Amino acid sequence: MPTRAPDGKPAAPVARLPGRLLLWRLAFLACLVAVLVLALAKDTSPPLDTGWDKSNHLLAFGVLGLLGRLGFPARRYLVPSGLFLYGIVIEALQALSGYRSAEYHDLFADLLGIALGSLAASAWLRRRRRNRQPAI
């Protein structure tokens, strides 16, 4: 028996995301939270450090760029723009923290990571389309 809306009419079908797309989005969200927590933590232990602050930014935002592009394939320009704003917010929060400092060079590393991650995801999506496999 079909489900009904409160007014008695048949309920509209619920749009579901394909399983892989949902997983990419959940991974993107988890990564957003992890990056924020690590960026604002007082002490980052060596296991979560590449050894150079700029490479930490490059890696973190590269992964975010990749996951964002795979999770939101139709938002080709919105996701990278949003991630850059996210980087700006993180730098502002670090400046306000009292135990971290904000640097413009970090934003350049973020931007480069976003570009590299987005380009890698775009290349992967193009390759999958060319091989006539489902996009995600």
N, C-alpha and C. Protein backbone atom coordinates (compact mmCIF):
# COMPACT_ATOMS: atom_id res chain seq x y z
N MET A 1 0.84 -1.18 0.00
CA MET A 1 0.00 0.00 0.00
C MET A 1 0.89 1.24 0.00
N PRO A 2 0.64 2.18 -0.92
CA PRO A 2 1.47 3.38 -0.99
C PRO A 2 1.28 4.25 0.25
N THR A 3 2.35 4.95 0.62
CA THR A 3 2.25 5.85 1.77
C THR A 3 1.47 7.09 1.37
N ARG A 4 0.86 7.71 2.35
CA ARG A 4 0.03 8.89 2.11
C ARG A 4 0.54 10.08 2.91
N ALA A 5 0.40 11.24 2.31
CA ALA A 5 0.75 12.49 2.99
C ALA A 5 -0.34 12.80 4.01
N PRO A 6 -0.09 13.73 4.94
CA PRO A 6 -1.10 14.05 5.95
C PRO A 6 -2.44 14.49 5.37
N ASP A 7 -2.46 15.05 4.16
CA ASP A 7 -3.72 15.49 3.56
C ASP A 7 -4.46 14.36 2.86
N GLY A 8 -3.94 13.13 2.92
CA GLY A 8 -4.61 11.99 2.33
C GLY A 8 -4.16 11.67 0.91
N LYS A 9 -3.41 12.57 0.27
CA LYS A 9 -2.94 12.33 -1.08
C LYS A 9 -1.73 11.39 -1.03
N PRO A 10 -1.45 10.68 -2.12
CA PRO A 10 -0.26 9.83 -2.13
C PRO A 10 0.99 10.67 -1.93
N ALA A 11 1.89 10.16 -1.10
CA ALA A 11 3.13 10.88 -0.81
C ALA A 11 4.05 10.82 -2.04
N ALA A 12 4.79 11.90 -2.22
CA ALA A 12 5.75 11.94 -3.33
C ALA A 12 6.87 10.95 -3.03
N PRO A 13 7.39 10.32 -4.06
CA PRO A 13 8.48 9.39 -3.81
C PRO A 13 9.71 10.12 -3.25
N VAL A 14 10.40 9.48 -2.36
CA VAL A 14 11.58 10.06 -1.74
C VAL A 14 12.76 9.87 -2.67
N ALA A 15 13.41 10.96 -3.01
CA ALA A 15 14.59 10.87 -3.86
C ALA A 15 15.75 10.34 -3.03
N ARG A 16 16.39 9.33 -3.53
CA ARG A 16 17.51 8.75 -2.81
C ARG A 16 18.79 8.97 -3.60
N LEU A 17 19.83 9.25 -2.86
CA LEU A 17 21.13 9.39 -3.50
C LEU A 17 21.68 8.00 -3.82
N PRO A 18 22.38 7.86 -4.91
CA PRO A 18 23.06 6.60 -5.14
C PRO A 18 24.02 6.32 -3.98
N GLY A 19 24.20 5.06 -3.65
CA GLY A 19 24.99 4.67 -2.49
C GLY A 19 26.39 5.26 -2.47
N ARG A 20 27.08 5.21 -3.59
CA ARG A 20 28.45 5.74 -3.62
C ARG A 20 28.47 7.25 -3.44
N LEU A 21 27.52 7.94 -4.01
CA LEU A 21 27.45 9.39 -3.87
C LEU A 21 27.24 9.76 -2.41
N LEU A 22 26.37 9.04 -1.74
CA LEU A 22 26.13 9.28 -0.32
C LEU A 22 27.40 9.04 0.49
N LEU A 23 28.13 7.99 0.17
CA LEU A 23 29.38 7.71 0.88
C LEU A 23 30.42 8.81 0.66
N TRP A 24 30.51 9.31 -0.58
CA TRP A 24 31.45 10.41 -0.83
C TRP A 24 31.08 11.64 -0.01
N ARG A 25 29.79 11.91 0.08
CA ARG A 25 29.34 13.08 0.84
C ARG A 25 29.60 12.91 2.33
N LEU A 26 29.38 11.72 2.84
CA LEU A 26 29.64 11.47 4.26
C LEU A 26 31.14 11.58 4.55
N ALA A 27 31.97 11.07 3.64
CA ALA A 27 33.41 11.18 3.81
C ALA A 27 33.85 12.64 3.77
N PHE A 28 33.24 13.43 2.89
CA PHE A 28 33.53 14.85 2.78
C PHE A 28 33.18 15.56 4.09
N LEU A 29 32.01 15.28 4.63
CA LEU A 29 31.58 15.89 5.88
C LEU A 29 32.51 15.49 7.02
N ALA A 30 32.87 14.22 7.11
CA ALA A 30 33.78 13.76 8.16
C ALA A 30 35.13 14.45 8.04
N CYS A 31 35.59 14.63 6.82
CA CYS A 31 36.88 15.29 6.60
C CYS A 31 36.81 16.77 6.97
N LEU A 32 35.70 17.42 6.67
CA LEU A 32 35.52 18.82 7.07
C LEU A 32 35.65 18.97 8.58
N VAL A 33 34.99 18.08 9.31
CA VAL A 33 35.02 18.13 10.77
C VAL A 33 36.44 17.83 11.28
N ALA A 34 37.08 16.81 10.72
CA ALA A 34 38.43 16.44 11.16
C ALA A 34 39.42 17.56 10.93
N VAL A 35 39.34 18.21 9.78
CA VAL A 35 40.25 19.32 9.47
C VAL A 35 40.05 20.47 10.45
N LEU A 36 38.80 20.77 10.76
CA LEU A 36 38.52 21.85 11.71
C LEU A 36 39.07 21.52 13.10
N VAL A 37 38.84 20.30 13.55
CA VAL A 37 39.32 19.89 14.87
C VAL A 37 40.84 19.94 14.91
N LEU A 38 41.50 19.41 13.90
CA LEU A 38 42.96 19.42 13.87
C LEU A 38 43.53 20.83 13.76
N ALA A 39 42.84 21.69 13.01
CA ALA A 39 43.31 23.06 12.83
C ALA A 39 43.21 23.88 14.11
N LEU A 40 42.27 23.52 14.97
CA LEU A 40 42.06 24.30 16.19
C LEU A 40 42.59 23.61 17.44
N ALA A 41 43.15 22.40 17.29
CA ALA A 41 43.69 21.68 18.44
C ALA A 41 44.93 22.41 18.97
N LYS A 42 45.09 22.38 20.30
CA LYS A 42 46.26 23.03 20.89
C LYS A 42 47.54 22.32 20.55
N ASP A 43 47.51 20.99 20.56
CA ASP A 43 48.73 20.22 20.31
C ASP A 43 48.43 19.14 19.27
N THR A 44 49.08 19.23 18.12
CA THR A 44 48.96 18.17 17.13
C THR A 44 50.17 17.27 17.26
N SER A 45 49.94 16.05 17.63
CA SER A 45 51.02 15.09 17.83
C SER A 45 51.61 14.70 16.48
N PRO A 46 52.85 14.26 16.47
CA PRO A 46 53.50 13.88 15.21
C PRO A 46 52.73 12.90 14.32
N PRO A 47 51.94 11.95 14.85
CA PRO A 47 51.23 11.04 13.93
C PRO A 47 50.26 11.75 12.98
N LEU A 48 49.82 12.96 13.32
CA LEU A 48 48.88 13.69 12.47
C LEU A 48 49.56 14.88 11.80
N ASP A 49 50.84 14.75 11.54
CA ASP A 49 51.60 15.86 11.01
C ASP A 49 52.53 15.36 9.90
N THR A 50 52.60 16.09 8.79
CA THR A 50 53.49 15.70 7.70
C THR A 50 54.91 16.21 7.93
N GLY A 51 55.09 17.06 8.92
CA GLY A 51 56.40 17.60 9.19
C GLY A 51 56.57 19.04 8.74
N TRP A 52 55.68 19.52 7.89
CA TRP A 52 55.74 20.90 7.42
C TRP A 52 54.32 21.43 7.37
N ASP A 53 54.08 22.55 7.98
CA ASP A 53 52.73 23.11 8.10
C ASP A 53 52.05 23.28 6.74
N LYS A 54 52.79 23.76 5.76
CA LYS A 54 52.17 24.01 4.44
C LYS A 54 51.76 22.71 3.76
N SER A 55 52.54 21.65 3.96
CA SER A 55 52.13 20.36 3.38
C SER A 55 50.93 19.79 4.11
N ASN A 56 50.77 20.11 5.40
CA ASN A 56 49.55 19.71 6.12
C ASN A 56 48.34 20.35 5.45
N HIS A 57 48.45 21.64 5.15
CA HIS A 57 47.34 22.35 4.49
C HIS A 57 47.09 21.79 3.10
N LEU A 58 48.15 21.57 2.35
CA LEU A 58 48.04 21.03 1.00
C LEU A 58 47.33 19.67 1.01
N LEU A 59 47.75 18.80 1.91
CA LEU A 59 47.14 17.47 2.00
C LEU A 59 45.69 17.54 2.44
N ALA A 60 45.41 18.30 3.49
CA ALA A 60 44.04 18.38 4.01
C ALA A 60 43.08 18.93 2.97
N PHE A 61 43.46 20.02 2.33
CA PHE A 61 42.56 20.63 1.36
C PHE A 61 42.57 19.91 0.02
N GLY A 62 43.62 19.17 -0.26
CA GLY A 62 43.61 18.30 -1.43
C GLY A 62 42.58 17.19 -1.28
N VAL A 63 42.55 16.58 -0.10
CA VAL A 63 41.56 15.53 0.18
C VAL A 63 40.15 16.13 0.18
N LEU A 64 39.99 17.29 0.78
CA LEU A 64 38.67 17.94 0.77
C LEU A 64 38.23 18.27 -0.66
N GLY A 65 39.15 18.76 -1.48
CA GLY A 65 38.82 19.07 -2.88
C GLY A 65 38.40 17.82 -3.63
N LEU A 66 39.12 16.73 -3.42
CA LEU A 66 38.79 15.46 -4.07
C LEU A 66 37.43 14.95 -3.63
N LEU A 67 37.22 14.86 -2.32
CA LEU A 67 35.95 14.35 -1.80
C LEU A 67 34.78 15.26 -2.15
N GLY A 68 35.01 16.57 -2.11
CA GLY A 68 33.94 17.51 -2.46
C GLY A 68 33.52 17.39 -3.91
N ARG A 69 34.49 17.22 -4.79
CA ARG A 69 34.18 17.07 -6.22
C ARG A 69 33.46 15.76 -6.51
N LEU A 70 33.87 14.69 -5.81
CA LEU A 70 33.22 13.39 -6.01
C LEU A 70 31.84 13.35 -5.35
N GLY A 71 31.70 14.02 -4.22
CA GLY A 71 30.42 14.02 -3.52
C GLY A 71 29.39 14.95 -4.12
N PHE A 72 29.84 15.99 -4.78
CA PHE A 72 28.94 16.98 -5.38
C PHE A 72 29.40 17.26 -6.81
N PRO A 73 29.28 16.28 -7.70
CA PRO A 73 29.83 16.44 -9.05
C PRO A 73 29.22 17.58 -9.85
N ALA A 74 28.01 17.98 -9.56
CA ALA A 74 27.38 19.06 -10.31
C ALA A 74 27.78 20.44 -9.78
N ARG A 75 28.43 20.49 -8.64
CA ARG A 75 28.83 21.76 -8.01
C ARG A 75 30.30 22.04 -8.27
N ARG A 76 30.67 22.04 -9.52
CA ARG A 76 32.05 22.14 -9.97
C ARG A 76 32.77 23.38 -9.46
N TYR A 77 32.07 24.50 -9.34
CA TYR A 77 32.69 25.74 -8.90
C TYR A 77 32.32 26.11 -7.47
N LEU A 78 31.17 25.68 -7.03
CA LEU A 78 30.69 26.04 -5.70
C LEU A 78 31.51 25.36 -4.60
N VAL A 79 31.83 24.09 -4.77
CA VAL A 79 32.58 23.37 -3.74
C VAL A 79 33.98 23.97 -3.54
N PRO A 80 34.77 24.17 -4.60
CA PRO A 80 36.08 24.79 -4.37
C PRO A 80 36.00 26.19 -3.75
N SER A 81 35.03 26.97 -4.18
CA SER A 81 34.85 28.32 -3.60
C SER A 81 34.51 28.22 -2.12
N GLY A 82 33.60 27.30 -1.80
CA GLY A 82 33.23 27.09 -0.40
C GLY A 82 34.40 26.60 0.44
N LEU A 83 35.22 25.74 -0.14
CA LEU A 83 36.39 25.24 0.59
C LEU A 83 37.41 26.35 0.84
N PHE A 84 37.56 27.24 -0.11
CA PHE A 84 38.47 28.36 0.10
C PHE A 84 37.96 29.26 1.23
N LEU A 85 36.66 29.52 1.24
CA LEU A 85 36.07 30.30 2.34
C LEU A 85 36.24 29.57 3.68
N TYR A 86 36.12 28.25 3.65
CA TYR A 86 36.33 27.42 4.83
C TYR A 86 37.77 27.62 5.35
N GLY A 87 38.73 27.66 4.45
CA GLY A 87 40.11 27.90 4.83
C GLY A 87 40.29 29.27 5.46
N ILE A 88 39.60 30.26 4.93
CA ILE A 88 39.67 31.61 5.50
C ILE A 88 39.08 31.62 6.91
N VAL A 89 37.97 30.94 7.09
CA VAL A 89 37.34 30.87 8.42
C VAL A 89 38.28 30.17 9.40
N ILE A 90 38.92 29.09 8.98
CA ILE A 90 39.85 28.39 9.86
C ILE A 90 40.99 29.32 10.27
N GLU A 91 41.54 30.06 9.32
CA GLU A 91 42.63 30.98 9.65
C GLU A 91 42.15 32.07 10.62
N ALA A 92 40.94 32.56 10.43
CA ALA A 92 40.40 33.58 11.34
C ALA A 92 40.21 33.00 12.75
N LEU A 93 39.71 31.77 12.83
CA LEU A 93 39.53 31.12 14.14
C LEU A 93 40.87 30.86 14.81
N GLN A 94 41.88 30.50 14.03
CA GLN A 94 43.20 30.30 14.60
C GLN A 94 43.77 31.61 15.14
N ALA A 95 43.53 32.70 14.44
CA ALA A 95 44.02 34.01 14.90
C ALA A 95 43.35 34.40 16.21
N LEU A 96 42.09 34.01 16.39
CA LEU A 96 41.35 34.35 17.61
C LEU A 96 41.65 33.40 18.76
N SER A 97 42.25 32.26 18.47
CA SER A 97 42.43 31.23 19.50
C SER A 97 43.42 31.62 20.59
N GLY A 98 44.43 32.39 20.27
CA GLY A 98 45.42 32.75 21.26
C GLY A 98 46.58 31.77 21.32
N TYR A 99 46.43 30.58 20.80
CA TYR A 99 47.51 29.60 20.80
C TYR A 99 47.88 29.13 19.40
N ARG A 100 47.20 29.64 18.40
CA ARG A 100 47.52 29.37 17.00
C ARG A 100 47.72 30.71 16.31
N SER A 101 48.30 30.67 15.13
CA SER A 101 48.47 31.92 14.38
C SER A 101 47.94 31.72 12.96
N ALA A 102 47.48 32.81 12.37
CA ALA A 102 46.98 32.79 11.00
C ALA A 102 48.08 33.26 10.07
N GLU A 103 48.17 32.60 8.90
CA GLU A 103 49.17 32.98 7.91
C GLU A 103 48.55 32.97 6.53
N TYR A 104 48.89 33.98 5.74
CA TYR A 104 48.40 34.02 4.37
C TYR A 104 48.96 32.89 3.53
N HIS A 105 50.18 32.46 3.87
CA HIS A 105 50.78 31.35 3.11
C HIS A 105 49.95 30.07 3.26
N ASP A 106 49.30 29.91 4.39
CA ASP A 106 48.44 28.74 4.59
C ASP A 106 47.29 28.75 3.59
N LEU A 107 46.75 29.93 3.31
CA LEU A 107 45.66 30.02 2.34
C LEU A 107 46.11 29.65 0.94
N PHE A 108 47.34 30.00 0.60
CA PHE A 108 47.87 29.60 -0.71
C PHE A 108 48.02 28.09 -0.80
N ALA A 109 48.48 27.48 0.29
CA ALA A 109 48.60 26.02 0.32
C ALA A 109 47.21 25.37 0.24
N ASP A 110 46.23 25.97 0.93
CA ASP A 110 44.85 25.47 0.85
C ASP A 110 44.35 25.53 -0.59
N LEU A 111 44.56 26.67 -1.22
CA LEU A 111 44.09 26.87 -2.59
C LEU A 111 44.74 25.88 -3.56
N LEU A 112 46.02 25.66 -3.41
CA LEU A 112 46.71 24.70 -4.26
C LEU A 112 46.18 23.28 -4.02
N GLY A 113 45.95 22.93 -2.76
CA GLY A 113 45.39 21.62 -2.44
C GLY A 113 44.00 21.44 -3.02
N ILE A 114 43.16 22.45 -2.92
CA ILE A 114 41.81 22.40 -3.48
C ILE A 114 41.89 22.18 -4.99
N ALA A 115 42.76 22.93 -5.65
CA ALA A 115 42.89 22.80 -7.11
C ALA A 115 43.37 21.41 -7.49
N LEU A 116 44.39 20.89 -6.82
CA LEU A 116 44.92 19.58 -7.16
C LEU A 116 43.91 18.47 -6.89
N GLY A 117 43.23 18.54 -5.74
CA GLY A 117 42.23 17.54 -5.41
C GLY A 117 41.05 17.56 -6.37
N SER A 118 40.60 18.76 -6.72
CA SER A 118 39.49 18.90 -7.66
C SER A 118 39.87 18.40 -9.05
N LEU A 119 41.08 18.72 -9.48
CA LEU A 119 41.54 18.26 -10.80
C LEU A 119 41.68 16.74 -10.84
N ALA A 120 42.19 16.15 -9.77
CA ALA A 120 42.31 14.69 -9.72
C ALA A 120 40.94 14.03 -9.78
N ALA A 121 39.97 14.57 -9.05
CA ALA A 121 38.62 14.01 -9.07
C ALA A 121 37.97 14.19 -10.44
N SER A 122 38.17 15.34 -11.06
CA SER A 122 37.60 15.58 -12.39
C SER A 122 38.18 14.61 -13.41
N ALA A 123 39.48 14.37 -13.33
CA ALA A 123 40.11 13.42 -14.26
C ALA A 123 39.57 12.02 -14.04
N TRP A 124 39.38 11.65 -12.79
CA TRP A 124 38.84 10.32 -12.48
C TRP A 124 37.40 10.19 -12.99
N LEU A 125 36.59 11.23 -12.80
CA LEU A 125 35.20 11.19 -13.27
C LEU A 125 35.15 11.13 -14.80
N ARG A 126 36.01 11.89 -15.48
CA ARG A 126 36.06 11.84 -16.95
C ARG A 126 36.45 10.45 -17.44
N ARG A 127 37.41 9.86 -16.78
CA ARG A 127 37.87 8.52 -17.18
C ARG A 127 36.75 7.50 -17.02
N ARG A 128 36.01 7.60 -15.92
CA ARG A 128 34.89 6.66 -15.70
C ARG A 128 33.80 6.86 -16.75
N ARG A 129 33.51 8.13 -17.10
CA ARG A 129 32.50 8.39 -18.13
C ARG A 129 32.95 7.84 -19.47
N ARG A 130 34.22 8.03 -19.78
CA ARG A 130 34.75 7.56 -21.05
C ARG A 130 34.69 6.03 -21.14
N ASN A 131 34.84 5.36 -20.03
CA ASN A 131 34.75 3.90 -20.00
C ASN A 131 33.31 3.40 -19.90
N ARG A 132 32.37 4.34 -19.97
CA ARG A 132 30.93 4.06 -19.93
C ARG A 132 30.50 3.33 -18.67
N GLN A 133 31.12 3.68 -17.56
CA GLN A 133 30.73 3.13 -16.28
C GLN A 133 29.89 4.21 -15.59
N PRO A 134 29.08 3.81 -14.62
CA PRO A 134 28.33 4.82 -13.88
C PRO A 134 29.29 5.82 -13.24
N ALA A 135 28.89 7.10 -13.22
CA ALA A 135 29.77 8.17 -12.74
C ALA A 135 30.23 7.94 -11.31
N ILE A 136 29.36 7.49 -10.45
CA ILE A 136 29.77 7.26 -9.07
C ILE A 136 28.99 6.11 -8.50
